[in-house]
Amino acid sequence: MPDTAPERAKVAVFVSGKGTNMAALLYASQHPSCPYEIVLVAANDPDAEALVLAAAEGVATFALAHKGTARADHDAAMEAAARKAGAQYIALAGYMRILTPEFVTRWAGRMVNIHPSLLPKYPGLDTHARALAAHDSHAGATVHLVTEDLDAGEALGQIRVAIWPGDSPEKLANRVRVAEHQLYPRVLADYVSRESDPAWLLDRVRQRALALPETHERESHGSPGFRVGSEKSGKFFAYFSDQHHGTPHVSLLVKCGTMDELENLVEAQPHAYHKPAYYGAAGWIGVILNRPGVDWDDVAAWLERSWRSVAPKRLTGLLDAADAF
C-alpha cells in the first residue's frame, strides 16, 4: 500500500517576548500525529526569550529590532525569513506589531493569531479588565484569521474560562493563558489539516463546478461527478476522486487537451498532476488537491476548460461573448 501520510504543513511563528504560546505550538508539533512543524521562530526583539527556547529545541530563528526600521521594511525582512524557511503559514503568538495591509493581503487565509478574549468581545488591549468591568461570567481566548482590521478575522476556535468572584485581571490572565496553550495547537492543527480533508476539498470543488452555467452534480461509480446540460442528456466534465484505485491522491479529474499534454504535465509536475487509472487512457488528467499550495484559481480554470469541451455551443458562446468584454 502507498504511504498516504500527508506532508506536514510548515509554520513560522512570530513573537515579541516570552513566547509561551509559541512553546505550546512547538511542543505539540513534536508529537508524531501533529500535521504541522515549526520551521522558524521570528521576533521583532533580538532579546526575546522565545528565541532562546526555540534555538534550544533546534528550531531556526530570526530577529530584527523594529525600532529605527520602517514598518514596511521590517515586515519585508520578517516575511523574507519566513519564506526562506519554507513557511506555508504564519502563526502570531504574542507578536506586538501591527502588520501592513500589503503583508496581510499576501498571507490571507494563511496567517492566524490568538487573542485573549471571546471575540468579537474586547478586541485590542486590556481584555481581562474589560471583561471584569462588564461583570461577564466567562472570559476566554479566540484563534482567528488575521485580516487588516484588528482582531476581526474569522474565528477558527474559542475556549471559555470562568471568571471567579473577586478575580483580578492578573489572576484571570494566568488562567486564560493556560487555556490558550490548549486551544492554539488544536485549532492550528485542524486548520492546516483541512487541505488534506476530502470533505473540505470536495466542497471547494463543488462551489467552483456548480458556478458554471447549467451544471449539476451526479454520482458516477461511487464518486461525485459534475455534468453540464440536462439531467437526462448532460455530459460529465469533472469527477472528484478520493484515493481511488490505490492512489494516495485526492484529485479533480478533468478533460485534457491531448494525450501529449497530459503526459508532459504529469512528467514535468508529478506533485501537481497524475494520470488516473482508467480515466487517463481516455484523456482525463488528475489535478492533485491534497497537497500544500494548491492554486484554486488554476483549479477553477481547469474546470471551466473541461466544461467548455463538452458544453453545448449555446452556453460556450455566452461565455465567449462575456470574455470578449
Protein backbone atom coordinates (compact mmCIF):
# COMPACT_ATOMS: atom_id res chain seq x y z
CA MET A 1 0.00 0.00 0.00
CA PRO A 2 1.32 3.51 -0.76
CA ASP A 3 2.20 5.85 2.03
CA THR A 4 -0.80 8.18 2.30
CA ALA A 5 0.50 10.31 5.19
CA PRO A 6 0.29 13.94 4.07
CA GLU A 7 3.33 16.19 4.20
CA ARG A 8 3.36 18.27 7.37
CA ALA A 9 2.49 21.94 6.95
CA LYS A 10 5.37 24.33 7.59
CA VAL A 11 4.66 27.12 10.06
CA ALA A 12 6.63 30.24 11.04
CA VAL A 13 5.78 31.72 14.43
CA PHE A 14 6.17 35.47 15.05
CA VAL A 15 6.80 36.51 18.66
CA SER A 16 7.81 39.53 20.69
CA GLY A 17 8.54 38.22 24.20
CA LYS A 18 8.49 35.02 26.24
CA GLY A 19 6.60 33.06 23.61
CA THR A 20 4.57 30.75 25.84
CA ASN A 21 2.05 30.18 23.06
CA MET A 22 4.93 29.56 20.67
CA ALA A 23 6.23 26.94 23.10
CA ALA A 24 2.80 25.29 23.20
CA LEU A 25 2.73 25.12 19.40
CA LEU A 26 6.31 23.86 19.24
CA TYR A 27 5.92 21.07 21.78
CA ALA A 28 2.61 19.99 20.25
CA SER A 29 4.35 19.75 16.88
CA GLN A 30 6.77 17.18 18.28
CA HIS A 31 4.01 14.58 18.56
CA PRO A 32 4.15 12.23 15.53
CA SER A 33 0.48 12.81 14.75
CA CYS A 34 0.78 16.60 14.55
CA PRO A 35 0.08 17.84 10.99
CA TYR A 36 2.37 20.86 11.22
CA GLU A 37 6.01 21.60 12.03
CA ILE A 38 7.60 24.82 13.24
CA VAL A 39 10.26 25.84 10.73
CA LEU A 40 11.06 29.31 12.11
CA VAL A 41 10.57 31.48 15.17
CA ALA A 42 10.99 35.15 14.27
CA ALA A 43 10.94 38.14 16.61
CA ASN A 44 10.94 41.92 16.43
CA ASP A 45 13.14 41.95 19.55
CA PRO A 46 16.55 40.21 19.40
CA ASP A 47 16.39 39.74 23.18
CA ALA A 48 13.05 37.92 23.12
CA GLU A 49 13.16 34.93 25.45
CA ALA A 50 11.22 32.87 22.90
CA LEU A 51 14.26 32.85 20.61
CA VAL A 52 16.36 31.12 23.27
CA LEU A 53 13.76 28.41 23.77
CA ALA A 54 13.36 27.84 20.03
CA ALA A 55 17.09 27.63 19.44
CA ALA A 56 17.48 25.16 22.31
CA GLU A 57 14.88 22.94 20.64
CA GLY A 58 16.68 23.08 17.30
CA VAL A 59 14.29 25.47 15.55
CA ALA A 60 15.68 28.15 13.23
CA THR A 61 15.33 31.71 14.50
CA PHE A 62 15.38 35.21 13.06
CA ALA A 63 15.35 38.56 14.84
CA LEU A 64 15.27 42.16 13.73
CA ALA A 65 14.59 45.08 16.07
CA HIS A 66 11.70 47.16 14.77
CA LYS A 67 12.98 50.42 16.28
CA GLY A 68 14.58 52.56 13.64
CA THR A 69 13.22 50.42 10.80
CA ALA A 70 10.32 51.49 8.59
CA ARG A 71 7.28 49.29 9.14
CA ALA A 72 7.18 48.08 5.53
CA ASP A 73 10.89 47.27 5.59
CA HIS A 74 10.56 45.38 8.85
CA ASP A 75 7.61 43.39 7.52
CA ALA A 76 9.58 42.61 4.37
CA ALA A 77 12.51 41.26 6.39
CA MET A 78 10.24 39.11 8.58
CA GLU A 79 8.43 37.80 5.53
CA ALA A 80 11.66 37.06 3.69
CA ALA A 81 12.86 34.99 6.65
CA ALA A 82 9.56 33.08 6.75
CA ARG A 83 9.66 32.32 3.04
CA LYS A 84 13.33 31.30 3.18
CA ALA A 85 12.39 28.79 5.88
CA GLY A 86 9.69 27.39 3.59
CA ALA A 87 6.77 28.56 5.73
CA GLN A 88 3.30 27.99 4.31
CA TYR A 89 1.56 29.54 7.32
CA ILE A 90 2.36 32.20 9.89
CA ALA A 91 1.14 31.94 13.48
CA LEU A 92 1.26 35.12 15.54
CA ALA A 93 1.96 34.31 19.18
CA GLY A 94 2.23 37.47 21.24
CA TYR A 95 3.57 39.43 18.26
CA MET A 96 3.10 43.03 19.33
CA ARG A 97 3.26 44.68 15.93
CA ILE A 98 0.53 45.82 13.54
CA LEU A 99 1.33 44.34 10.15
CA THR A 100 0.97 46.36 6.97
CA PRO A 101 -2.14 45.73 4.84
CA GLU A 102 0.07 44.52 2.00
CA PHE A 103 1.65 41.87 4.23
CA VAL A 104 -1.76 40.74 5.49
CA THR A 105 -3.14 40.50 1.97
CA ARG A 106 -0.25 38.35 0.77
CA TRP A 107 -0.86 35.89 3.62
CA ALA A 108 -4.66 35.99 3.54
CA GLY A 109 -6.02 32.69 4.79
CA ARG A 110 -2.51 31.62 5.80
CA MET A 111 -1.95 33.70 8.94
CA VAL A 112 -3.56 33.10 12.32
CA ASN A 113 -3.46 34.82 15.69
CA ILE A 114 -4.64 34.09 19.22
CA HIS A 115 -6.44 36.80 21.18
CA PRO A 116 -7.25 36.69 24.93
CA SER A 117 -11.00 37.29 24.73
CA LEU A 118 -14.13 35.71 23.35
CA LEU A 119 -14.17 37.70 20.14
CA PRO A 120 -15.96 39.73 18.92
CA LYS A 121 -15.91 40.92 22.54
CA TYR A 122 -12.98 43.09 23.55
CA PRO A 123 -10.64 43.37 20.57
CA GLY A 124 -7.40 45.17 21.29
CA LEU A 125 -5.82 45.58 24.74
CA ASP A 126 -6.91 45.26 28.37
CA THR A 127 -9.27 42.39 27.58
CA HIS A 128 -9.38 40.91 31.08
CA ALA A 129 -10.05 44.21 32.82
CA ARG A 130 -12.82 44.93 30.34
CA ALA A 131 -14.43 41.53 30.92
CA LEU A 132 -14.34 42.08 34.69
CA ALA A 133 -15.74 45.59 34.39
CA ALA A 134 -18.63 44.22 32.32
CA HIS A 135 -19.36 41.58 35.02
CA ASP A 136 -19.07 38.79 32.43
CA SER A 137 -19.43 35.22 33.66
CA HIS A 138 -16.66 33.99 31.37
CA ALA A 139 -13.56 35.26 29.65
CA GLY A 140 -11.54 33.17 27.21
CA ALA A 141 -9.44 33.08 24.08
CA THR A 142 -10.03 33.01 20.34
CA VAL A 143 -7.88 31.79 17.46
CA HIS A 144 -8.74 33.73 14.35
CA LEU A 145 -7.56 34.51 10.85
CA VAL A 146 -5.61 37.73 10.52
CA THR A 147 -7.17 40.48 8.43
CA GLU A 148 -6.47 44.18 8.00
CA ASP A 149 -8.97 45.01 10.74
CA LEU A 150 -7.67 44.40 14.26
CA ASP A 151 -8.88 41.10 15.76
CA ALA A 152 -11.72 40.96 13.21
CA GLY A 153 -10.84 37.88 11.15
CA GLU A 154 -12.93 34.70 11.07
CA ALA A 155 -12.87 32.88 14.41
CA LEU A 156 -11.50 29.36 13.99
CA GLY A 157 -11.90 28.25 17.61
CA GLN A 158 -12.62 29.53 21.10
CA ILE A 159 -12.26 28.37 24.69
CA ARG A 160 -14.18 29.74 27.67
CA VAL A 161 -12.67 30.40 31.09
CA ALA A 162 -14.90 31.04 34.11
CA ILE A 163 -14.46 34.32 35.95
CA TRP A 164 -14.21 33.82 39.71
CA PRO A 165 -15.65 36.09 42.40
CA GLY A 166 -13.03 38.65 43.36
CA ASP A 167 -10.93 37.97 40.27
CA SER A 168 -8.23 40.40 39.26
CA PRO A 169 -7.06 40.96 35.68
CA GLU A 170 -3.74 39.30 36.55
CA LYS A 171 -5.31 36.14 38.04
CA LEU A 172 -7.73 35.85 35.14
CA ALA A 173 -4.94 36.35 32.62
CA ASN A 174 -2.96 33.47 34.16
CA ARG A 175 -5.88 31.06 33.77
CA VAL A 176 -6.71 32.24 30.26
CA ARG A 177 -3.08 31.73 29.28
CA VAL A 178 -3.26 28.06 30.33
CA ALA A 179 -6.40 27.70 28.21
CA GLU A 180 -4.68 29.38 25.27
CA HIS A 181 -1.96 26.74 25.35
CA GLN A 182 -4.59 24.02 24.97
CA LEU A 183 -6.54 25.81 22.25
CA TYR A 184 -3.91 27.14 19.86
CA PRO A 185 -2.19 23.85 18.90
CA ARG A 186 -5.52 22.08 18.35
CA VAL A 187 -7.01 24.82 16.21
CA LEU A 188 -3.84 25.27 14.14
CA ALA A 189 -3.67 21.51 13.57
CA ASP A 190 -7.28 21.42 12.42
CA TYR A 191 -6.80 24.41 10.16
CA VAL A 192 -3.73 23.17 8.32
CA SER A 193 -5.28 19.68 8.02
CA ARG A 194 -8.26 20.94 6.07
CA GLU A 195 -6.18 20.91 2.89
CA SER A 196 -5.97 17.11 3.09
CA ASP A 197 -9.59 16.65 4.23
CA PRO A 198 -11.58 15.16 1.32
CA ALA A 199 -14.85 16.73 2.53
CA TRP A 200 -13.30 20.22 2.59
CA LEU A 201 -11.67 19.70 -0.81
CA LEU A 202 -14.90 18.43 -2.35
CA ASP A 203 -16.78 21.44 -1.04
CA ARG A 204 -14.29 23.79 -2.71
CA VAL A 205 -14.51 21.89 -6.00
CA ARG A 206 -18.31 21.79 -5.79
CA GLN A 207 -18.56 25.57 -5.31
CA ARG A 208 -16.49 26.19 -8.44
CA ALA A 209 -18.04 23.50 -10.60
CA LEU A 210 -21.64 24.43 -9.84
CA ALA A 211 -20.89 28.10 -10.55
CA LEU A 212 -20.57 27.19 -14.24
CA PRO A 213 -23.77 27.55 -16.33
CA GLU A 214 -26.28 24.70 -16.33
CA THR A 215 -24.21 22.32 -14.27
CA HIS A 216 -25.39 19.73 -11.79
CA GLU A 217 -23.82 17.07 -9.63
CA ARG A 218 -24.34 13.36 -10.13
CA GLU A 219 -22.55 10.39 -8.61
CA SER A 220 -20.67 8.13 -11.02
CA HIS A 221 -19.14 4.81 -9.97
CA GLY A 222 -19.24 5.92 -6.34
CA SER A 223 -17.57 9.30 -6.95
CA PRO A 224 -19.08 12.78 -7.15
CA GLY A 225 -19.26 13.97 -10.74
CA PHE A 226 -20.28 17.21 -12.41
CA ARG A 227 -22.25 17.45 -15.65
CA VAL A 228 -23.32 20.21 -17.98
CA GLY A 229 -26.71 20.07 -19.68
CA SER A 230 -29.98 18.47 -18.75
CA GLU A 231 -30.39 15.72 -16.17
CA LYS A 232 -31.17 13.30 -19.00
CA SER A 233 -28.61 14.21 -21.64
CA GLY A 234 -25.92 16.10 -19.73
CA LYS A 235 -22.26 15.23 -20.13
CA PHE A 236 -19.66 14.82 -17.38
CA PHE A 237 -16.85 17.36 -17.37
CA ALA A 238 -15.29 16.62 -13.95
CA TYR A 239 -15.04 13.94 -11.28
CA PHE A 240 -13.85 14.11 -7.68
CA SER A 241 -11.57 11.18 -6.84
CA ASP A 242 -10.77 10.31 -3.22
CA GLN A 243 -7.77 7.96 -3.26
CA HIS A 244 -9.43 5.61 -5.70
CA HIS A 245 -7.69 2.64 -7.32
CA GLY A 246 -4.88 2.55 -4.74
CA THR A 247 -3.52 6.05 -5.32
CA PRO A 248 -2.64 8.39 -2.44
CA HIS A 249 -4.25 11.30 -4.27
CA VAL A 250 -7.39 13.27 -3.64
CA SER A 251 -7.82 14.79 -7.06
CA LEU A 252 -10.02 16.51 -9.57
CA LEU A 253 -10.33 14.61 -12.84
CA VAL A 254 -10.85 16.87 -15.86
CA LYS A 255 -10.50 16.55 -19.61
CA CYS A 256 -7.07 17.31 -21.01
CA GLY A 257 -6.48 18.74 -24.48
CA THR A 258 -4.30 15.96 -25.87
CA MET A 259 -2.53 12.87 -24.60
CA ASP A 260 0.80 14.62 -25.22
CA GLU A 261 -0.26 17.49 -22.96
CA LEU A 262 -1.36 15.02 -20.29
CA GLU A 263 1.90 13.04 -20.38
CA ASN A 264 4.01 16.21 -20.39
CA LEU A 265 2.20 17.72 -17.39
CA VAL A 266 2.45 14.51 -15.36
CA GLU A 267 6.16 14.15 -16.18
CA ALA A 268 7.04 17.79 -15.53
CA GLN A 269 4.87 18.33 -12.42
CA PRO A 270 4.28 14.97 -10.71
CA HIS A 271 3.50 16.80 -7.45
CA ALA A 272 0.53 18.53 -9.11
CA TYR A 273 -0.76 16.07 -11.73
CA HIS A 274 -1.21 12.33 -12.19
CA LYS A 275 -2.60 10.03 -14.85
CA PRO A 276 -5.67 8.42 -13.28
CA ALA A 277 -6.41 4.73 -13.70
CA TYR A 278 -8.96 4.02 -16.46
CA TYR A 279 -9.78 7.70 -16.99
CA GLY A 280 -6.22 8.55 -18.04
CA ALA A 281 -6.44 6.38 -21.13
CA ALA A 282 -9.43 8.45 -22.27
CA GLY A 283 -7.56 11.76 -21.89
CA TRP A 284 -8.57 12.76 -18.34
CA ILE A 285 -5.90 14.24 -16.08
CA GLY A 286 -5.84 14.21 -12.28
CA VAL A 287 -5.21 17.58 -10.63
CA ILE A 288 -3.86 16.64 -7.18
CA LEU A 289 -5.69 18.53 -4.43
CA ASN A 290 -4.29 17.06 -1.19
CA ARG A 291 -1.00 18.94 -1.35
CA PRO A 292 0.23 22.25 0.02
CA GLY A 293 -0.18 25.39 -2.02
CA VAL A 294 -3.00 24.39 -4.37
CA ASP A 295 -3.85 27.30 -6.69
CA TRP A 296 -7.64 27.33 -6.58
CA ASP A 297 -7.83 29.84 -9.42
CA ASP A 298 -5.99 27.23 -11.50
CA VAL A 299 -8.47 24.56 -10.38
CA ALA A 300 -11.33 26.81 -11.46
CA ALA A 301 -9.62 27.33 -14.81
CA TRP A 302 -9.32 23.57 -15.33
CA LEU A 303 -12.99 23.14 -14.51
CA GLU A 304 -14.04 25.82 -16.98
CA ARG A 305 -11.78 24.43 -19.68
CA SER A 306 -13.16 20.92 -19.20
CA TRP A 307 -16.70 22.30 -19.07
CA ARG A 308 -16.18 24.12 -22.37
CA SER A 309 -15.02 20.88 -24.03
CA VAL A 310 -18.44 19.23 -23.61
CA ALA A 311 -20.90 22.09 -23.08
CA PRO A 312 -23.43 22.98 -25.80
CA LYS A 313 -22.32 25.79 -28.09
CA ARG A 314 -25.21 27.96 -26.96
CA LEU A 315 -23.56 28.01 -23.49
CA THR A 316 -19.93 28.36 -24.55
CA GLY A 317 -20.95 31.17 -26.89
CA LEU A 318 -22.30 33.14 -23.94
CA LEU A 319 -19.02 32.75 -22.06
CA ASP A 320 -17.01 33.62 -25.16
CA ALA A 321 -19.05 36.81 -25.53
CA ALA A 322 -18.52 37.66 -21.85
CA ASP A 323 -14.76 37.05 -22.21
CA ALA A 324 -14.69 39.46 -25.15
CA PHE A 325 -15.67 42.27 -22.82
